[in-house]
Amino acid sequence: MSGHLETIDPRVAGAPKVDFEQLYRAMPGPYMILDRDLRYVEANPAYCASALRSREELLGRYVFEAYPHTGEGPNLIEDSMRRVLATGVAESLPMAVYPIPAPEGGFRNKYWSCVHFPLFDAAGQVSHVVQNAVDVTELQELKTIAYGPDPGARTRNENDLFRRAQEVAAANESLAAETRGLRDLFMQAPSFMAVLTGEELTFALANSAYLRLVGHRQVVGRPIQEALPEVVEQGFPELLRQVMRERTPFLGHATSVMLQRAPEAPLEERFLDFIYQPILGGDGEAVGVFVEGSDVTDRVLGDRQQKLLLDELNHRVKNTLSTVQAIADQTLRTNADPVAFRDAFESRLMALSATHNLLTATNWVSADLRDVAHLEFRPYGAERYRLTGPSVALSSAQALALGLLFHELATNAAKYGALSSPDGCVEVDWRLRKRRGGADLEIDWEERDGPAVATPTRHGFGSRLIERSLQGQLGGEASLTYAPAGLRCRIRLPLRAGAAVS
């Protein structure tokens, strides 16, 4: 205690201020206050006189360092103090023998009747334990003089009183042990639990799982609108009051709740399975609500992801079947011979499969443009091509379309263009042009040092692929130039914002 703790009763005009520190020091009964480590933070003069120690000798010291821990009495006192700190429930010890150092040297047995009660901090947590220890040594000595040291010499009434005191002490210890066991079960339960009471829905209890859910905020002793203000507008306090009014439970299944799980952090969505169970008093009216449930956020998000993957799988299968159907149709148009059809069709399916494998490595999120091009040039050797440009992340649809297009261009170059000549090569350059809302990918395909090129008399598969995939589905465009020095192809493809990795 430090400073002057004063107050005034506003209901009484001219009421004097009360100095609680002066009151504490003037109290005739011995009182001392310990922190959670059982160290002295205060001792009034009556306590110091009874304990034969000065206040300065005690403050800051561990209580059982100031008074050696010997015999059964200190064990009873320490156990009682720690139970009060753990449970927040006051306890009484009818009799405890505690030897204390005597001024003349050695130790002197003292008999104490103790009351231990908790002090709570602003958050409603037990912060200190207070002891009021009444010295009953003289009474014990008078009893010894009157009846002798032999316990058998007690009168019948005294025996009955002593026995009842022992029974009360034993009952208190049994109840305390049971309370500790139940509290441990409550605090360690895997599901979150809390008890709210009264019209203000004040937290009376909250276990460890509940505190984890709400970001380890100090909720005990505080009304819900103060402890968890973010849930007020979400309707949960009104739902709790409804449970109390109607005295019927409420079940929530995968219910969404926005919680602030760290100081100054944004609200985070969690999904909860829970029950609100009314707590009924002796008159049948609800006095509170018991809350119990589980955080099922991972399960809900997993179910959503699974549905998304199934929908995406169905979409991809349909797209792939459509692509295969188109490849078969176009290949059949340009290859009437069954053997030629089989070779061309198989080659194009392998190109499609290679791009599928590339996308599978990234869970079909994206594929890099350079990797897509490498797949199609790999059979011809690294010296036959040159790739220049930044790293660009393609969507799965873009990767599949460009993979097939590169395959057609490379196959055509191997049959009729630069890759059919020993000295020929292919250069592929690309760049990004920024625009509002994203960027355009520009690709230049240019063949060099190959045989002379002539403009074809009919459209082949590659031409139709450009028209169908790039222009129709992806919003892009491409143009082919049959220059005598080699085929040139220019491609433009719109990309979403953030596609460039560089």
Protein backbone atom coordinates (compact mmCIF):
# COMPACT_ATOMS: atom_id res chain seq x y z
CA MET A 1 0.00 0.00 0.00
CA SER A 2 1.33 3.40 -0.84
CA GLY A 3 -0.12 6.89 -0.92
CA HIS A 4 -3.47 7.83 0.59
CA LEU A 5 -6.56 5.99 -0.54
CA GLU A 6 -9.49 8.34 0.10
CA THR A 7 -13.15 8.42 -0.83
CA ILE A 8 -16.34 10.26 0.04
CA ASP A 9 -19.92 9.04 0.08
CA PRO A 10 -21.82 11.30 -2.35
CA ARG A 11 -25.11 10.46 -0.65
CA VAL A 12 -24.12 12.22 2.58
CA ALA A 13 -23.55 15.94 2.38
CA GLY A 14 -20.32 16.94 4.04
CA ALA A 15 -19.22 13.34 4.56
CA PRO A 16 -15.53 13.21 5.52
CA LYS A 17 -12.89 11.65 3.32
CA VAL A 18 -11.70 8.26 4.48
CA ASP A 19 -7.97 7.53 4.47
CA PHE A 20 -7.95 3.76 3.92
CA GLU A 21 -4.22 3.46 4.46
CA GLN A 22 -4.59 5.03 7.90
CA LEU A 23 -7.55 2.76 8.56
CA TYR A 24 -5.50 -0.31 7.57
CA ARG A 25 -2.67 0.63 9.92
CA ALA A 26 -5.04 1.43 12.78
CA MET A 27 -6.95 -1.86 12.63
CA PRO A 28 -6.46 -3.82 15.88
CA GLY A 29 -6.48 -7.16 14.07
CA PRO A 30 -3.27 -8.42 12.42
CA TYR A 31 -3.36 -8.26 8.61
CA MET A 32 -0.71 -8.91 5.99
CA ILE A 33 -0.86 -8.95 2.16
CA LEU A 34 1.16 -11.27 -0.10
CA ASP A 35 1.59 -11.22 -3.89
CA ARG A 36 1.20 -14.30 -6.09
CA ASP A 37 4.77 -15.36 -5.25
CA LEU A 38 3.86 -15.21 -1.53
CA ARG A 39 6.06 -12.18 -0.93
CA TYR A 40 5.06 -9.49 1.55
CA VAL A 41 3.69 -6.28 0.04
CA GLU A 42 2.16 -4.95 3.28
CA ALA A 43 1.83 -5.78 7.00
CA ASN A 44 -0.03 -3.61 9.50
CA PRO A 45 1.40 -2.77 12.98
CA ALA A 46 -0.86 -5.31 14.71
CA TYR A 47 0.55 -8.08 12.51
CA CYS A 48 4.15 -6.99 13.08
CA ALA A 49 3.60 -6.92 16.86
CA SER A 50 2.02 -10.36 16.83
CA ALA A 51 4.69 -11.84 14.53
CA LEU A 52 7.58 -10.19 16.44
CA ARG A 53 9.01 -8.63 13.25
CA SER A 54 9.23 -5.07 11.94
CA ARG A 55 7.50 -4.04 8.73
CA GLU A 56 10.86 -3.25 7.12
CA GLU A 57 12.09 -6.80 7.85
CA LEU A 58 9.11 -8.30 6.05
CA LEU A 59 8.40 -6.23 2.91
CA GLY A 60 9.58 -7.97 -0.27
CA ARG A 61 10.53 -11.21 1.47
CA TYR A 62 9.09 -14.63 0.77
CA VAL A 63 6.80 -15.41 3.70
CA PHE A 64 8.45 -18.76 4.45
CA GLU A 65 11.87 -17.16 4.28
CA ALA A 66 10.87 -14.71 7.00
CA TYR A 67 9.37 -17.58 9.01
CA PRO A 68 11.01 -20.98 8.47
CA HIS A 69 8.80 -23.65 6.99
CA THR A 70 8.81 -26.30 9.74
CA GLY A 71 6.10 -28.61 10.99
CA GLU A 72 2.55 -29.26 9.80
CA GLY A 73 1.20 -25.78 10.56
CA PRO A 74 3.15 -23.98 7.82
CA ASN A 75 2.06 -26.64 5.32
CA LEU A 76 -1.61 -26.01 6.13
CA ILE A 77 -1.15 -22.24 5.84
CA GLU A 78 0.76 -22.38 2.54
CA ASP A 79 -1.70 -24.81 0.95
CA SER A 80 -4.60 -22.58 1.98
CA MET A 81 -2.96 -19.43 0.55
CA ARG A 82 -2.21 -21.10 -2.78
CA ARG A 83 -5.78 -22.42 -3.06
CA VAL A 84 -7.13 -18.90 -2.54
CA LEU A 85 -4.80 -17.56 -5.26
CA ALA A 86 -5.89 -20.33 -7.63
CA THR A 87 -9.65 -20.33 -6.97
CA GLY A 88 -10.41 -16.81 -5.73
CA VAL A 89 -12.41 -18.33 -2.83
CA ALA A 90 -11.71 -17.32 0.80
CA GLU A 91 -10.73 -20.00 3.36
CA SER A 92 -10.53 -20.32 7.15
CA LEU A 93 -8.13 -22.40 9.26
CA PRO A 94 -9.55 -22.92 12.79
CA MET A 95 -6.15 -23.75 14.28
CA ALA A 96 -2.57 -23.87 13.03
CA VAL A 97 0.62 -24.22 15.09
CA TYR A 98 3.50 -22.12 13.75
CA PRO A 99 6.88 -21.75 15.49
CA ILE A 100 8.33 -18.24 15.13
CA PRO A 101 11.72 -16.88 16.22
CA ALA A 102 11.67 -15.64 19.82
CA PRO A 103 13.43 -12.37 20.81
CA GLU A 104 15.50 -14.23 23.40
CA GLY A 105 16.66 -16.73 20.78
CA GLY A 106 15.35 -20.05 19.52
CA PHE A 107 11.75 -20.59 18.46
CA ARG A 108 8.43 -20.26 20.20
CA ASN A 109 5.28 -22.13 19.25
CA LYS A 110 2.37 -19.85 18.40
CA TYR A 111 -1.22 -20.89 17.76
CA TRP A 112 -3.10 -19.08 15.05
CA SER A 113 -6.65 -18.96 13.73
CA CYS A 114 -6.34 -17.78 10.12
CA VAL A 115 -8.62 -16.36 7.47
CA HIS A 116 -7.28 -16.05 3.90
CA PHE A 117 -9.15 -14.07 1.26
CA PRO A 118 -8.31 -12.86 -2.28
CA LEU A 119 -7.76 -9.40 -3.72
CA PHE A 120 -8.67 -8.89 -7.38
CA ASP A 121 -7.09 -6.59 -9.96
CA ALA A 122 -8.97 -4.36 -12.43
CA ALA A 123 -9.26 -7.28 -14.88
CA GLY A 124 -10.96 -9.48 -12.28
CA GLN A 125 -7.94 -11.75 -11.74
CA VAL A 126 -6.65 -12.73 -8.27
CA SER A 127 -3.55 -10.58 -7.69
CA HIS A 128 -2.93 -10.91 -3.90
CA VAL A 129 -3.94 -12.94 -0.88
CA VAL A 130 -4.73 -11.29 2.47
CA GLN A 131 -4.26 -13.05 5.80
CA ASN A 132 -5.97 -12.13 9.03
CA ALA A 133 -4.17 -14.32 11.58
CA VAL A 134 -5.49 -14.12 15.14
CA ASP A 135 -2.98 -15.18 17.80
CA VAL A 136 -4.80 -17.64 20.09
CA THR A 137 -1.66 -18.80 21.90
CA GLU A 138 -2.80 -17.46 25.27
CA LEU A 139 -6.12 -19.26 24.98
CA GLN A 140 -4.29 -22.46 24.17
CA GLU A 141 -1.95 -21.98 27.17
CA LEU A 142 -4.89 -21.29 29.52
CA LYS A 143 -6.54 -24.46 28.26
CA THR A 144 -3.36 -26.39 28.99
CA ILE A 145 -3.21 -24.95 32.52
CA ALA A 146 -6.87 -25.78 33.12
CA TYR A 147 -6.90 -29.26 31.66
CA GLY A 148 -3.26 -30.26 31.54
CA PRO A 149 -1.13 -31.23 28.57
CA ASP A 150 -2.79 -34.64 28.31
CA PRO A 151 -5.37 -34.51 25.49
CA GLY A 152 -7.32 -37.16 27.36
CA ALA A 153 -7.98 -34.71 30.18
CA ARG A 154 -10.27 -32.54 28.05
CA THR A 155 -13.83 -32.20 29.16
CA ARG A 156 -16.57 -33.80 27.14
CA ASN A 157 -17.75 -30.45 25.76
CA GLU A 158 -14.21 -29.49 24.75
CA ASN A 159 -13.69 -32.84 23.07
CA ASP A 160 -16.89 -32.32 21.11
CA LEU A 161 -15.82 -28.80 20.10
CA PHE A 162 -12.36 -29.92 19.07
CA ARG A 163 -13.76 -32.84 17.13
CA ARG A 164 -16.20 -30.58 15.31
CA ALA A 165 -13.38 -28.17 14.49
CA GLN A 166 -11.36 -31.06 13.06
CA GLU A 167 -14.36 -32.25 11.06
CA VAL A 168 -14.94 -28.76 9.65
CA ALA A 169 -11.26 -28.47 8.72
CA ALA A 170 -11.33 -31.90 7.06
CA ALA A 171 -14.53 -31.04 5.21
CA ASN A 172 -13.03 -27.76 4.03
CA GLU A 173 -9.94 -29.55 2.75
CA SER A 174 -12.07 -32.15 0.96
CA LEU A 175 -14.21 -29.47 -0.66
CA ALA A 176 -11.12 -27.47 -1.61
CA ALA A 177 -9.53 -30.56 -3.20
CA GLU A 178 -12.73 -31.28 -5.12
CA THR A 179 -12.94 -27.64 -6.22
CA ARG A 180 -9.34 -27.71 -7.43
CA GLY A 181 -9.99 -30.90 -9.40
CA LEU A 182 -13.11 -29.50 -11.05
CA ARG A 183 -11.36 -26.21 -11.82
CA ASP A 184 -8.42 -28.05 -13.42
CA LEU A 185 -10.82 -30.07 -15.58
CA PHE A 186 -12.66 -26.88 -16.57
CA MET A 187 -9.49 -24.95 -17.40
CA GLN A 188 -7.87 -27.82 -19.36
CA ALA A 189 -10.96 -28.90 -21.34
CA PRO A 190 -10.22 -29.00 -25.11
CA SER A 191 -13.47 -27.18 -25.98
CA PHE A 192 -13.89 -23.54 -25.04
CA MET A 193 -16.09 -22.83 -21.99
CA ALA A 194 -17.30 -19.74 -20.18
CA VAL A 195 -19.95 -18.75 -17.65
CA LEU A 196 -21.73 -15.38 -17.89
CA THR A 197 -24.07 -14.13 -15.17
CA GLY A 198 -26.54 -11.35 -14.48
CA GLU A 199 -28.27 -8.80 -16.65
CA GLU A 200 -24.91 -7.37 -17.72
CA LEU A 201 -23.70 -10.82 -18.83
CA THR A 202 -20.56 -10.58 -16.74
CA PHE A 203 -17.90 -13.26 -17.23
CA ALA A 204 -17.66 -15.35 -14.06
CA LEU A 205 -15.42 -18.06 -15.56
CA ALA A 206 -13.50 -18.64 -18.78
CA ASN A 207 -11.22 -21.60 -19.48
CA SER A 208 -7.89 -21.63 -21.33
CA ALA A 209 -9.43 -22.60 -24.69
CA TYR A 210 -11.87 -19.67 -24.48
CA LEU A 211 -9.06 -17.25 -23.64
CA ARG A 212 -7.07 -18.52 -26.66
CA LEU A 213 -10.11 -17.94 -28.87
CA VAL A 214 -10.47 -14.29 -27.78
CA GLY A 215 -6.76 -13.49 -27.88
CA HIS A 216 -5.99 -14.04 -24.17
CA ARG A 217 -7.94 -10.96 -23.14
CA GLN A 218 -8.80 -10.57 -19.44
CA VAL A 219 -12.54 -11.16 -19.55
CA VAL A 220 -13.35 -12.54 -16.07
CA GLY A 221 -15.18 -9.98 -13.96
CA ARG A 222 -16.08 -7.81 -16.97
CA PRO A 223 -19.43 -7.53 -18.81
CA ILE A 224 -19.46 -8.86 -22.36
CA GLN A 225 -19.89 -5.45 -24.01
CA GLU A 226 -16.70 -4.29 -22.29
CA ALA A 227 -14.69 -7.52 -22.56
CA LEU A 228 -15.60 -8.32 -26.20
CA PRO A 229 -17.03 -5.12 -27.74
CA GLU A 230 -16.77 -6.44 -31.31
CA VAL A 231 -19.46 -9.12 -30.73
CA VAL A 232 -22.13 -6.62 -29.63
CA GLU A 233 -23.16 -5.52 -33.14
CA GLN A 234 -22.99 -9.14 -34.28
CA GLY A 235 -25.96 -9.93 -32.01
CA PHE A 236 -24.38 -12.40 -29.58
CA PRO A 237 -25.28 -10.53 -26.32
CA GLU A 238 -28.91 -10.33 -27.40
CA LEU A 239 -28.84 -14.05 -28.22
CA LEU A 240 -27.49 -14.78 -24.72
CA ARG A 241 -30.26 -12.67 -23.15
CA GLN A 242 -32.82 -14.53 -25.25
CA VAL A 243 -31.53 -17.83 -23.83
CA MET A 244 -31.96 -16.41 -20.31
CA ARG A 245 -35.47 -15.06 -21.01
CA GLU A 246 -36.76 -18.21 -22.68
CA ARG A 247 -34.70 -20.60 -20.48
CA THR A 248 -34.02 -22.80 -23.51
CA PRO A 249 -30.64 -23.74 -25.02
CA PHE A 250 -29.39 -22.40 -28.35
CA LEU A 251 -27.20 -24.39 -30.74
CA GLY A 252 -24.90 -22.77 -33.27
CA HIS A 253 -23.38 -24.72 -36.18
CA ALA A 254 -20.34 -23.34 -38.05
CA THR A 255 -21.47 -19.86 -37.00
CA SER A 256 -19.34 -16.98 -38.26
CA VAL A 257 -18.00 -14.54 -35.65
CA MET A 258 -15.52 -11.70 -36.13
CA LEU A 259 -13.00 -11.49 -33.27
CA GLN A 260 -10.05 -9.27 -32.49
CA ARG A 261 -7.47 -11.90 -31.51
CA ALA A 262 -4.53 -9.56 -30.89
CA PRO A 263 -4.26 -5.94 -29.66
CA GLU A 264 -4.80 -3.40 -32.44
CA ALA A 265 -5.23 -6.26 -34.94
CA PRO A 266 -8.05 -6.28 -37.52
CA LEU A 267 -11.06 -8.49 -36.94
CA GLU A 268 -10.55 -12.15 -37.89
CA GLU A 269 -13.37 -14.44 -38.99
CA ARG A 270 -13.73 -17.67 -37.02
CA PHE A 271 -16.36 -20.39 -37.35
CA LEU A 272 -17.77 -21.95 -34.17
CA ASP A 273 -19.95 -24.88 -33.14
CA PHE A 274 -21.39 -23.95 -29.75
CA ILE A 275 -24.24 -24.25 -27.25
CA TYR A 276 -25.68 -21.58 -24.96
CA GLN A 277 -27.16 -23.39 -21.96
CA PRO A 278 -29.25 -21.39 -19.42
CA ILE A 279 -28.21 -21.70 -15.75
CA LEU A 280 -31.33 -21.86 -13.57
CA GLY A 281 -31.55 -20.69 -9.96
CA GLY A 282 -33.57 -22.24 -7.15
CA ASP A 283 -36.69 -20.34 -8.24
CA GLY A 284 -36.44 -21.65 -11.79
CA GLU A 285 -35.33 -18.32 -13.25
CA ALA A 286 -32.16 -18.08 -15.35
CA VAL A 287 -29.26 -16.46 -13.52
CA GLY A 288 -26.65 -16.94 -16.24
CA VAL A 289 -25.54 -18.81 -19.34
CA PHE A 290 -23.02 -21.62 -19.73
CA VAL A 291 -21.15 -21.38 -23.04
CA GLU A 292 -19.40 -24.41 -24.54
CA GLY A 293 -18.14 -25.10 -28.04
CA SER A 294 -15.36 -25.73 -30.52
CA ASP A 295 -13.49 -23.65 -33.08
CA VAL A 296 -14.22 -25.38 -36.41
CA THR A 297 -12.62 -22.75 -38.65
CA ASP A 298 -10.12 -25.19 -40.17
CA ARG A 299 -12.91 -27.65 -41.00
CA VAL A 300 -15.12 -25.00 -42.61
CA LEU A 301 -12.27 -23.56 -44.68
CA GLY A 302 -11.20 -27.10 -45.64
CA ASP A 303 -14.73 -27.89 -46.84
CA ARG A 304 -14.80 -24.68 -48.84
CA GLN A 305 -11.44 -25.44 -50.39
CA GLN A 306 -12.53 -28.97 -51.24
CA LYS A 307 -15.68 -27.68 -52.98
CA LEU A 308 -13.62 -25.10 -54.84
CA LEU A 309 -11.18 -27.79 -55.98
CA LEU A 310 -14.00 -30.08 -57.14
CA ASP A 311 -15.62 -27.23 -59.07
CA GLU A 312 -12.26 -26.33 -60.58
CA LEU A 313 -11.57 -29.98 -61.44
CA ASN A 314 -14.92 -30.27 -63.22
CA HIS A 315 -14.18 -27.06 -65.10
CA ARG A 316 -10.70 -28.22 -66.12
CA VAL A 317 -11.90 -31.64 -67.23
CA LYS A 318 -14.55 -30.04 -69.44
CA ASN A 319 -12.03 -27.59 -70.88
CA THR A 320 -9.50 -30.36 -71.49
CA LEU A 321 -12.07 -32.54 -73.24
CA SER A 322 -13.08 -29.58 -75.40
CA THR A 323 -9.43 -28.92 -76.25
CA VAL A 324 -8.80 -32.59 -77.14
CA GLN A 325 -11.93 -32.63 -79.26
CA ALA A 326 -10.76 -29.51 -81.12
CA ILE A 327 -7.27 -30.96 -81.60
CA ALA A 328 -8.72 -34.19 -83.00
CA ASP A 329 -11.09 -32.32 -85.31
CA GLN A 330 -8.45 -29.96 -86.68
CA THR A 331 -5.82 -32.70 -87.01
CA LEU A 332 -8.25 -34.88 -88.95
CA ARG A 333 -8.93 -32.05 -91.37
CA THR A 334 -5.27 -31.69 -92.30
CA ASN A 335 -4.18 -35.35 -92.03
CA ALA A 336 -6.38 -37.75 -93.99
CA ASP A 337 -3.82 -40.57 -93.75
CA PRO A 338 -4.40 -42.57 -90.50
CA VAL A 339 -0.67 -42.88 -89.74
CA ALA A 340 -0.07 -39.16 -90.26
CA PHE A 341 -3.17 -38.38 -88.17
CA ARG A 342 -1.95 -40.61 -85.35
CA ASP A 343 1.52 -39.03 -85.29
CA ALA A 344 0.22 -35.46 -85.40
CA PHE A 345 -2.55 -36.11 -82.88
CA GLU A 346 -0.20 -37.90 -80.47
CA SER A 347 2.37 -35.10 -80.75
CA ARG A 348 -0.22 -32.47 -79.90
CA LEU A 349 -1.59 -34.48 -76.98
CA MET A 350 1.95 -34.82 -75.61
CA ALA A 351 2.38 -31.05 -75.82
CA LEU A 352 -0.90 -30.60 -73.95
CA SER A 353 0.21 -33.18 -71.35
CA ALA A 354 3.57 -31.47 -70.82
CA THR A 355 1.87 -28.18 -70.04
CA HIS A 356 -0.54 -30.02 -67.71
CA ASN A 357 2.44 -31.43 -65.81
CA LEU A 358 3.95 -27.97 -65.53
CA LEU A 359 0.72 -26.57 -64.10
CA THR A 360 0.28 -29.50 -61.72
CA ALA A 361 3.57 -28.57 -60.03
CA THR A 362 1.93 -25.28 -58.94
CA ASN A 363 -1.51 -26.75 -58.16
CA TRP A 364 -2.79 -25.22 -61.39
CA VAL A 365 -2.29 -21.72 -60.06
CA SER A 366 0.13 -20.49 -62.72
CA ALA A 367 3.10 -21.37 -64.93
CA ASP A 368 6.05 -19.26 -65.98
CA LEU A 369 6.20 -18.25 -69.64
CA ARG A 370 9.87 -19.24 -69.96
CA ASP A 371 9.13 -22.77 -68.64
CA VAL A 372 6.24 -23.18 -71.09
CA ALA A 373 8.50 -22.22 -74.04
CA HIS A 374 11.36 -24.46 -72.85
CA LEU A 375 9.11 -27.51 -72.92
CA GLU A 376 8.48 -27.16 -76.66
CA PHE A 377 12.08 -26.36 -77.68
CA ARG A 378 13.73 -29.02 -75.53
CA PRO A 379 13.75 -31.76 -78.25
CA TYR A 380 15.75 -29.54 -80.64
CA GLY A 381 18.74 -28.61 -78.46
CA ALA A 382 19.66 -25.46 -76.56
CA GLU A 383 21.71 -24.03 -79.46
CA ARG A 384 18.66 -23.91 -81.77
CA TYR A 385 16.68 -21.26 -79.87
CA ARG A 386 17.03 -18.14 -77.75
CA LEU A 387 14.48 -16.92 -75.18
CA THR A 388 14.61 -13.32 -73.95
CA GLY A 389 12.23 -11.58 -71.56
CA PRO A 390 11.18 -11.17 -67.92
CA SER A 391 9.59 -13.84 -65.76
CA VAL A 392 5.83 -13.77 -66.35
CA ALA A 393 3.24 -15.82 -64.44
CA LEU A 394 0.58 -17.18 -66.81
CA SER A 395 -2.84 -18.40 -65.74
CA SER A 396 -3.63 -22.05 -66.42
CA ALA A 397 -5.75 -21.14 -69.48
CA GLN A 398 -3.03 -18.85 -70.87
CA ALA A 399 -0.32 -21.46 -70.26
CA LEU A 400 -2.30 -24.17 -72.08
CA ALA A 401 -3.05 -21.90 -75.04
CA LEU A 402 0.54 -20.67 -75.41
CA GLY A 403 1.90 -24.19 -74.87
CA LEU A 404 -0.12 -25.51 -77.81
CA LEU A 405 0.74 -22.46 -79.91
CA PHE A 406 4.49 -22.82 -79.26
CA HIS A 407 4.19 -26.53 -80.07
CA GLU A 408 2.56 -25.80 -83.42
CA LEU A 409 5.11 -23.12 -84.30
CA ALA A 410 8.05 -25.32 -83.25
CA THR A 411 6.67 -28.31 -85.17
CA ASN A 412 6.16 -26.17 -88.25
CA ALA A 413 9.70 -24.77 -87.91
CA ALA A 414 11.09 -28.31 -87.65
CA LYS A 415 9.22 -29.42 -90.79
CA TYR A 416 9.45 -26.40 -93.03
CA GLY A 417 11.22 -23.55 -91.25
CA ALA A 418 14.40 -22.60 -89.38
CA LEU A 419 14.65 -25.81 -87.33
CA SER A 420 14.69 -27.89 -90.53
CA SER A 421 18.04 -26.32 -91.50
CA PRO A 422 21.32 -27.17 -89.69
CA ASP A 423 22.14 -23.48 -89.15
CA GLY A 424 18.65 -22.22 -88.44
CA CYS A 425 17.44 -20.95 -85.09
CA VAL A 426 14.37 -19.42 -83.48
CA GLU A 427 14.36 -16.27 -81.37
CA VAL A 428 11.47 -15.62 -78.96
CA ASP A 429 11.40 -12.20 -77.28
CA TRP A 430 8.70 -10.87 -74.98
CA ARG A 431 7.98 -7.78 -72.93
CA LEU A 432 5.26 -6.27 -70.75
CA ARG A 433 3.37 -3.08 -71.62
CA LYS A 434 1.63 -1.54 -68.62
CA ARG A 435 -1.95 -0.42 -68.95
CA ARG A 436 -4.72 0.54 -66.55
CA GLY A 437 -5.77 -2.50 -64.52
CA GLY A 438 -2.93 -4.76 -65.64
CA ALA A 439 -0.47 -5.24 -68.49
CA ASP A 440 -0.24 -6.61 -72.01
CA LEU A 441 2.19 -9.40 -72.80
CA GLU A 442 3.80 -8.96 -76.23
CA ILE A 443 5.67 -11.93 -77.77
CA ASP A 444 7.72 -11.93 -80.95
CA TRP A 445 8.56 -15.28 -82.63
CA GLU A 446 11.18 -14.93 -85.36
CA GLU A 447 12.91 -17.66 -87.37
CA ARG A 448 16.38 -17.06 -88.86
CA ASP A 449 18.75 -18.79 -91.29
CA GLY A 450 16.20 -21.30 -92.49
CA PRO A 451 14.88 -22.05 -95.97
CA ALA A 452 12.94 -19.45 -97.89
CA VAL A 453 9.34 -19.14 -96.71
CA ALA A 454 6.27 -18.89 -98.93
CA THR A 455 2.78 -17.87 -97.89
CA PRO A 456 0.60 -21.01 -97.49
CA THR A 457 -2.48 -21.45 -99.61
CA ARG A 458 -4.69 -22.67 -96.71
CA HIS A 459 -4.99 -22.21 -92.94
CA GLY A 460 -3.45 -24.95 -90.83
CA PHE A 461 -4.01 -26.01 -87.24
CA GLY A 462 -1.78 -23.27 -85.82
CA SER A 463 -3.74 -20.52 -87.56
CA ARG A 464 -7.05 -21.86 -86.33
CA LEU A 465 -5.59 -22.35 -82.80
CA ILE A 466 -4.62 -18.66 -82.75
CA GLU A 467 -8.10 -17.63 -83.84
CA ARG A 468 -9.92 -19.88 -81.38
CA SER A 469 -7.76 -19.80 -78.22
CA LEU A 470 -6.01 -16.45 -78.22
CA GLN A 471 -8.63 -14.28 -79.85
CA GLY A 472 -11.82 -15.98 -78.72
CA GLN A 473 -11.19 -17.26 -75.18
CA LEU A 474 -8.36 -15.10 -73.85
CA GLY A 475 -9.02 -11.74 -75.48
CA GLY A 476 -5.64 -11.72 -77.21
CA GLU A 477 -4.55 -11.43 -80.79
CA ALA A 478 -1.79 -12.74 -83.06
CA SER A 479 -0.53 -12.20 -86.57
CA LEU A 480 1.67 -14.32 -88.83
CA THR A 481 4.11 -12.80 -91.34
CA TYR A 482 5.60 -15.14 -93.96
CA ALA A 483 8.78 -13.15 -94.68
CA PRO A 484 11.26 -14.78 -97.12
CA ALA A 485 13.95 -14.82 -94.37
CA GLY A 486 11.76 -16.72 -91.96
CA LEU A 487 8.35 -16.91 -90.31
CA ARG A 488 7.42 -14.21 -87.85
CA CYS A 489 4.59 -14.33 -85.33
CA ARG A 490 3.54 -11.45 -83.06
CA ILE A 491 1.27 -12.22 -80.09
CA ARG A 492 -0.48 -9.89 -77.64
CA LEU A 493 -2.14 -11.26 -74.52
CA PRO A 494 -3.80 -9.22 -71.75
CA LEU A 495 -2.62 -10.14 -68.23
CA ARG A 496 -4.14 -9.41 -64.83
CA ALA A 497 -2.44 -6.97 -62.48
CA GLY A 498 0.55 -8.48 -60.68
CA ALA A 499 1.24 -11.19 -63.25
CA ALA A 500 4.81 -10.04 -63.88
CA VAL A 501 7.41 -11.53 -61.58
CA SER A 502 10.51 -10.12 -63.40
